[in-house]
């Protein structure tokens, strides 16, 4: 949680600095790579993408310049055995608490994913998207959150409040 708080502070400071700066150039594969290597000097390029570590989480970033898309992904688990309750909770979270990242299923794997048009992606969006992707992977099975404010209007806030109430109730016994 401390890492999450520090990341959110960094993003806020970064946003303020960006407002005062010149407009960013369009994102390219090369510029994306420079940002990724600034975040993780040990990142590895592969084909049209990169593999980097955010904390102890491996993130794959794949680009398609012809389609003008990028995708950041974290493998969470094998999709086999996901219950209807798991799937429902992830869809609820996709509606209100994952923000720009999403839970997704592909090739028998449950993923956390952030997908964005490559050329319109700015540095802050990339960093925020990476953080949200890692956060929803890390909070799968518990809070199902991207780590920033919730959009609201869905089920997540009540479910998270129920968890808090349950923990408070257990704490009363201490």
C-alpha atoms as a PDB file:
ATOM      1  CA  UNK A   1       0.000   0.000   0.000  1.00  0.00           C
ATOM      2  CA  UNK A   2       2.907   2.362   0.648  1.00  0.00           C
ATOM      3  CA  UNK A   3       4.171   1.732  -2.888  1.00  0.00           C
ATOM      4  CA  UNK A   4       0.714   2.514  -4.215  1.00  0.00           C
ATOM      5  CA  UNK A   5       0.565   5.774  -2.261  1.00  0.00           C
ATOM      6  CA  UNK A   6       4.029   6.786  -3.479  1.00  0.00           C
ATOM      7  CA  UNK A   7       3.059   5.974  -7.040  1.00  0.00           C
ATOM      8  CA  UNK A   8      -0.084   8.104  -6.796  1.00  0.00           C
ATOM      9  CA  UNK A   9       1.963  11.013  -5.410  1.00  0.00           C
ATOM     10  CA  UNK A  10       4.447  10.593  -8.261  1.00  0.00           C
ATOM     11  CA  UNK A  11       1.603  10.637 -10.783  1.00  0.00           C
ATOM     12  CA  UNK A  12       0.127  13.796  -9.274  1.00  0.00           C
ATOM     13  CA  UNK A  13       3.488  15.594  -9.354  1.00  0.00           C
ATOM     14  CA  UNK A  14       4.088  14.313 -12.875  1.00  0.00           C
ATOM     15  CA  UNK A  15       0.703  15.652 -13.986  1.00  0.00           C
ATOM     16  CA  UNK A  16       1.453  19.095 -12.543  1.00  0.00           C
ATOM     17  CA  UNK A  17       4.836  19.179 -14.261  1.00  0.00           C
ATOM     18  CA  UNK A  18       3.282  18.083 -17.533  1.00  0.00           C
ATOM     19  CA  UNK A  19       0.711  20.877 -17.441  1.00  0.00           C
ATOM     20  CA  UNK A  20       3.534  23.414 -17.319  1.00  0.00           C
ATOM     21  CA  UNK A  21       5.554  21.668 -20.044  1.00  0.00           C
ATOM     22  CA  UNK A  22       5.330  21.802 -23.804  1.00  0.00           C
ATOM     23  CA  UNK A  23       2.863  19.421 -25.463  1.00  0.00           C
ATOM     24  CA  UNK A  24       4.266  15.916 -25.778  1.00  0.00           C
ATOM     25  CA  UNK A  25       5.175  14.514 -29.180  1.00  0.00           C
ATOM     26  CA  UNK A  26       3.146  11.529 -30.417  1.00  0.00           C
ATOM     27  CA  UNK A  27       4.070   8.247 -28.790  1.00  0.00           C
ATOM     28  CA  UNK A  28       6.186   5.948 -30.930  1.00  0.00           C
ATOM     29  CA  UNK A  29       7.751   2.556 -30.291  1.00  0.00           C
ATOM     30  CA  UNK A  30      11.095   4.277 -29.684  1.00  0.00           C
ATOM     31  CA  UNK A  31       9.678   6.857 -27.248  1.00  0.00           C
ATOM     32  CA  UNK A  32       7.708   4.141 -25.453  1.00  0.00           C
ATOM     33  CA  UNK A  33      10.952   2.199 -25.082  1.00  0.00           C
ATOM     34  CA  UNK A  34      12.752   5.195 -23.568  1.00  0.00           C
ATOM     35  CA  UNK A  35      10.010   5.619 -20.974  1.00  0.00           C
ATOM     36  CA  UNK A  36       9.948   1.892 -20.182  1.00  0.00           C
ATOM     37  CA  UNK A  37      13.741   1.788 -19.740  1.00  0.00           C
ATOM     38  CA  UNK A  38      13.516   4.833 -17.451  1.00  0.00           C
ATOM     39  CA  UNK A  39      11.009   2.882 -15.323  1.00  0.00           C
ATOM     40  CA  UNK A  40      13.025  -0.350 -15.436  1.00  0.00           C
ATOM     41  CA  UNK A  41      16.619  -0.138 -16.708  1.00  0.00           C
ATOM     42  CA  UNK A  42      16.627  -3.944 -16.930  1.00  0.00           C
ATOM     43  CA  UNK A  43      13.581  -4.095 -19.233  1.00  0.00           C
ATOM     44  CA  UNK A  44      13.954  -6.366 -22.239  1.00  0.00           C
ATOM     45  CA  UNK A  45      12.788  -5.570 -25.777  1.00  0.00           C
ATOM     46  CA  UNK A  46      11.150  -8.431 -27.674  1.00  0.00           C
ATOM     47  CA  UNK A  47       9.653  -8.221 -31.149  1.00  0.00           C
ATOM     48  CA  UNK A  48       7.196  -5.324 -31.180  1.00  0.00           C
ATOM     49  CA  UNK A  49       7.234  -4.929 -27.403  1.00  0.00           C
ATOM     50  CA  UNK A  50       8.980  -4.974 -24.069  1.00  0.00           C
ATOM     51  CA  UNK A  51       9.049  -6.938 -20.846  1.00  0.00           C
ATOM     52  CA  UNK A  52       9.614  -4.960 -17.664  1.00  0.00           C
ATOM     53  CA  UNK A  53       9.229  -5.316 -13.925  1.00  0.00           C
ATOM     54  CA  UNK A  54       7.036  -3.005 -11.882  1.00  0.00           C
ATOM     55  CA  UNK A  55       7.943  -3.909  -8.335  1.00  0.00           C
ATOM     56  CA  UNK A  56       8.048  -7.693  -8.483  1.00  0.00           C
ATOM     57  CA  UNK A  57       5.403  -7.982 -11.217  1.00  0.00           C
ATOM     58  CA  UNK A  58       6.335  -8.806 -14.815  1.00  0.00           C
ATOM     59  CA  UNK A  59       4.542  -6.604 -17.343  1.00  0.00           C
ATOM     60  CA  UNK A  60       4.442  -7.262 -21.078  1.00  0.00           C
ATOM     61  CA  UNK A  61       3.963  -4.233 -23.327  1.00  0.00           C
ATOM     62  CA  UNK A  62       3.132  -4.995 -26.946  1.00  0.00           C
ATOM     63  CA  UNK A  63       2.755  -2.475 -29.761  1.00  0.00           C
ATOM     64  CA  UNK A  64       1.204  -2.585 -33.204  1.00  0.00           C
ATOM     65  CA  UNK A  65       2.228   0.560 -35.060  1.00  0.00           C
ATOM     66  CA  UNK A  66       0.099  -0.344 -38.117  1.00  0.00           C
ATOM     67  CA  UNK A  67      -3.041  -0.497 -35.949  1.00  0.00           C
ATOM     68  CA  UNK A  68      -1.804   2.389 -33.734  1.00  0.00           C
ATOM     69  CA  UNK A  69      -2.337   0.340 -30.556  1.00  0.00           C
ATOM     70  CA  UNK A  70      -0.412  -0.668 -27.474  1.00  0.00           C
ATOM     71  CA  UNK A  71      -1.288  -3.186 -24.803  1.00  0.00           C
ATOM     72  CA  UNK A  72       0.251  -3.614 -21.346  1.00  0.00           C
ATOM     73  CA  UNK A  73      -0.533  -6.992 -19.775  1.00  0.00           C
ATOM     74  CA  UNK A  74       0.067  -8.933 -16.580  1.00  0.00           C
ATOM     75  CA  UNK A  75      -0.745 -12.650 -16.467  1.00  0.00           C
ATOM     76  CA  UNK A  76      -2.754 -13.318 -13.305  1.00  0.00           C
ATOM     77  CA  UNK A  77      -3.639 -17.021 -13.430  1.00  0.00           C
ATOM     78  CA  UNK A  78      -4.859 -19.887 -15.557  1.00  0.00           C
ATOM     79  CA  UNK A  79      -8.441 -19.165 -16.615  1.00  0.00           C
ATOM     80  CA  UNK A  80      -9.500 -22.761 -16.053  1.00  0.00           C
ATOM     81  CA  UNK A  81     -11.591 -23.052 -12.931  1.00  0.00           C
ATOM     82  CA  UNK A  82     -12.781 -19.444 -12.793  1.00  0.00           C
ATOM     83  CA  UNK A  83     -16.164 -19.582 -11.127  1.00  0.00           C
ATOM     84  CA  UNK A  84     -19.231 -17.627 -12.212  1.00  0.00           C
ATOM     85  CA  UNK A  85     -18.752 -15.542  -9.040  1.00  0.00           C
ATOM     86  CA  UNK A  86     -15.135 -14.754 -10.067  1.00  0.00           C
ATOM     87  CA  UNK A  87     -16.269 -13.697 -13.524  1.00  0.00           C
ATOM     88  CA  UNK A  88     -19.108 -11.576 -12.178  1.00  0.00           C
ATOM     89  CA  UNK A  89     -16.823  -9.807  -9.698  1.00  0.00           C
ATOM     90  CA  UNK A  90     -14.283  -9.016 -12.417  1.00  0.00           C
ATOM     91  CA  UNK A  91     -17.005  -7.600 -14.673  1.00  0.00           C
ATOM     92  CA  UNK A  92     -18.292  -5.464 -11.789  1.00  0.00           C
ATOM     93  CA  UNK A  93     -14.764  -4.174 -11.208  1.00  0.00           C
ATOM     94  CA  UNK A  94     -14.281  -3.470 -14.924  1.00  0.00           C
ATOM     95  CA  UNK A  95     -17.334  -1.220 -14.673  1.00  0.00           C
ATOM     96  CA  UNK A  96     -16.246   0.921 -11.728  1.00  0.00           C
ATOM     97  CA  UNK A  97     -12.969   0.202  -9.952  1.00  0.00           C
ATOM     98  CA  UNK A  98     -10.343  -0.848 -12.474  1.00  0.00           C
ATOM     99  CA  UNK A  99     -10.529   2.499 -14.313  1.00  0.00           C
ATOM    100  CA  UNK A 100      -8.353   2.319 -17.471  1.00  0.00           C
ATOM    101  CA  UNK A 101      -7.082  -1.238 -16.954  1.00  0.00           C
ATOM    102  CA  UNK A 102      -9.315  -4.279 -17.362  1.00  0.00           C
ATOM    103  CA  UNK A 103      -9.568  -7.934 -16.497  1.00  0.00           C
ATOM    104  CA  UNK A 104      -9.500 -10.006 -19.676  1.00  0.00           C
ATOM    105  CA  UNK A 105      -9.392 -13.623 -20.810  1.00  0.00           C
ATOM    106  CA  UNK A 106      -7.232 -14.798 -23.708  1.00  0.00           C
ATOM    107  CA  UNK A 107      -5.551 -18.060 -24.633  1.00  0.00           C
ATOM    108  CA  UNK A 108      -6.601 -19.776 -21.403  1.00  0.00           C
ATOM    109  CA  UNK A 109      -5.140 -17.052 -19.173  1.00  0.00           C
ATOM    110  CA  UNK A 110      -6.708 -14.389 -16.982  1.00  0.00           C
ATOM    111  CA  UNK A 111      -4.938 -11.087 -17.666  1.00  0.00           C
ATOM    112  CA  UNK A 112      -4.846  -7.563 -16.327  1.00  0.00           C
ATOM    113  CA  UNK A 113      -4.639  -5.344 -19.417  1.00  0.00           C
ATOM    114  CA  UNK A 114      -4.360  -1.680 -20.389  1.00  0.00           C
ATOM    115  CA  UNK A 115      -5.043  -0.968 -24.068  1.00  0.00           C
ATOM    116  CA  UNK A 116      -4.631   2.444 -25.697  1.00  0.00           C
ATOM    117  CA  UNK A 117      -4.043   4.050 -29.111  1.00  0.00           C
ATOM    118  CA  UNK A 118      -0.251   4.274 -29.353  1.00  0.00           C
ATOM    119  CA  UNK A 119       0.142   7.685 -31.005  1.00  0.00           C
ATOM    120  CA  UNK A 120      -2.245   9.437 -28.589  1.00  0.00           C
ATOM    121  CA  UNK A 121      -0.716   7.869 -25.476  1.00  0.00           C
ATOM    122  CA  UNK A 122       1.195  10.323 -23.299  1.00  0.00           C
ATOM    123  CA  UNK A 123       3.798   9.564 -20.669  1.00  0.00           C
ATOM    124  CA  UNK A 124       1.432  10.083 -17.733  1.00  0.00           C
ATOM    125  CA  UNK A 125      -1.232   7.834 -19.263  1.00  0.00           C
ATOM    126  CA  UNK A 126       1.359   5.128 -19.862  1.00  0.00           C
ATOM    127  CA  UNK A 127       2.680   5.251 -16.293  1.00  0.00           C
ATOM    128  CA  UNK A 128      -0.830   5.388 -14.846  1.00  0.00           C
ATOM    129  CA  UNK A 129      -1.976   2.527 -17.087  1.00  0.00           C
ATOM    130  CA  UNK A 130       0.998   0.386 -16.054  1.00  0.00           C
ATOM    131  CA  UNK A 131       0.294   1.095 -12.378  1.00  0.00           C
ATOM    132  CA  UNK A 132      -3.415   0.304 -12.739  1.00  0.00           C
ATOM    133  CA  UNK A 133      -2.618  -2.932 -14.591  1.00  0.00           C
ATOM    134  CA  UNK A 134      -0.251  -4.077 -11.855  1.00  0.00           C
ATOM    135  CA  UNK A 135      -2.723  -3.008  -9.163  1.00  0.00           C
ATOM    136  CA  UNK A 136      -5.661  -4.959 -10.602  1.00  0.00           C
ATOM    137  CA  UNK A 137      -3.416  -8.014 -10.960  1.00  0.00           C
ATOM    138  CA  UNK A 138      -2.280  -7.640  -7.341  1.00  0.00           C
ATOM    139  CA  UNK A 139      -5.805  -7.059  -6.008  1.00  0.00           C
ATOM    140  CA  UNK A 140      -7.440  -9.905  -7.951  1.00  0.00           C
ATOM    141  CA  UNK A 141      -9.371 -11.965  -5.416  1.00  0.00           C
ATOM    142  CA  UNK A 142      -9.570  -9.133  -2.885  1.00  0.00           C
ATOM    143  CA  UNK A 143     -10.398  -5.513  -3.805  1.00  0.00           C
ATOM    144  CA  UNK A 144     -10.275  -5.742  -7.632  1.00  0.00           C
ATOM    145  CA  UNK A 145      -9.076  -2.156  -7.983  1.00  0.00           C
ATOM    146  CA  UNK A 146      -6.801  -0.132 -10.223  1.00  0.00           C
ATOM    147  CA  UNK A 147      -5.678   1.764  -7.139  1.00  0.00           C
ATOM    148  CA  UNK A 148      -7.012   5.192  -8.033  1.00  0.00           C
ATOM    149  CA  UNK A 149     -10.402   6.717  -7.297  1.00  0.00           C
ATOM    150  CA  UNK A 150     -13.411   4.663  -8.305  1.00  0.00           C
ATOM    151  CA  UNK A 151     -15.713   5.827 -11.069  1.00  0.00           C
ATOM    152  CA  UNK A 152     -18.688   4.871  -8.961  1.00  0.00           C
ATOM    153  CA  UNK A 153     -22.200   3.881  -9.857  1.00  0.00           C
ATOM    154  CA  UNK A 154     -21.387   0.192  -9.693  1.00  0.00           C
ATOM    155  CA  UNK A 155     -21.141  -2.555  -7.135  1.00  0.00           C
ATOM    156  CA  UNK A 156     -17.494  -2.367  -6.067  1.00  0.00           C
ATOM    157  CA  UNK A 157     -17.815   0.336  -3.439  1.00  0.00           C
ATOM    158  CA  UNK A 158     -20.540  -1.555  -1.547  1.00  0.00           C
ATOM    159  CA  UNK A 159     -18.589  -4.816  -1.798  1.00  0.00           C
ATOM    160  CA  UNK A 160     -15.412  -3.129  -0.557  1.00  0.00           C
ATOM    161  CA  UNK A 161     -17.383  -1.484   2.254  1.00  0.00           C
ATOM    162  CA  UNK A 162     -18.743  -4.923   3.186  1.00  0.00           C
ATOM    163  CA  UNK A 163     -15.164  -6.179   3.489  1.00  0.00           C
ATOM    164  CA  UNK A 164     -14.289  -3.251   5.768  1.00  0.00           C
ATOM    165  CA  UNK A 165     -17.372  -3.927   7.901  1.00  0.00           C
ATOM    166  CA  UNK A 166     -16.463  -7.612   8.128  1.00  0.00           C
ATOM    167  CA  UNK A 167     -12.925  -6.782   9.265  1.00  0.00           C
ATOM    168  CA  UNK A 168     -14.196  -4.219  11.771  1.00  0.00           C
ATOM    169  CA  UNK A 169     -16.576  -6.808  13.163  1.00  0.00           C
ATOM    170  CA  UNK A 170     -13.727  -9.307  13.544  1.00  0.00           C
ATOM    171  CA  UNK A 171     -11.642  -6.579  15.180  1.00  0.00           C
ATOM    172  CA  UNK A 172     -14.303  -6.046  17.833  1.00  0.00           C
ATOM    173  CA  UNK A 173     -13.416  -9.452  19.264  1.00  0.00           C
ATOM    174  CA  UNK A 174      -9.837  -8.381  19.984  1.00  0.00           C
END
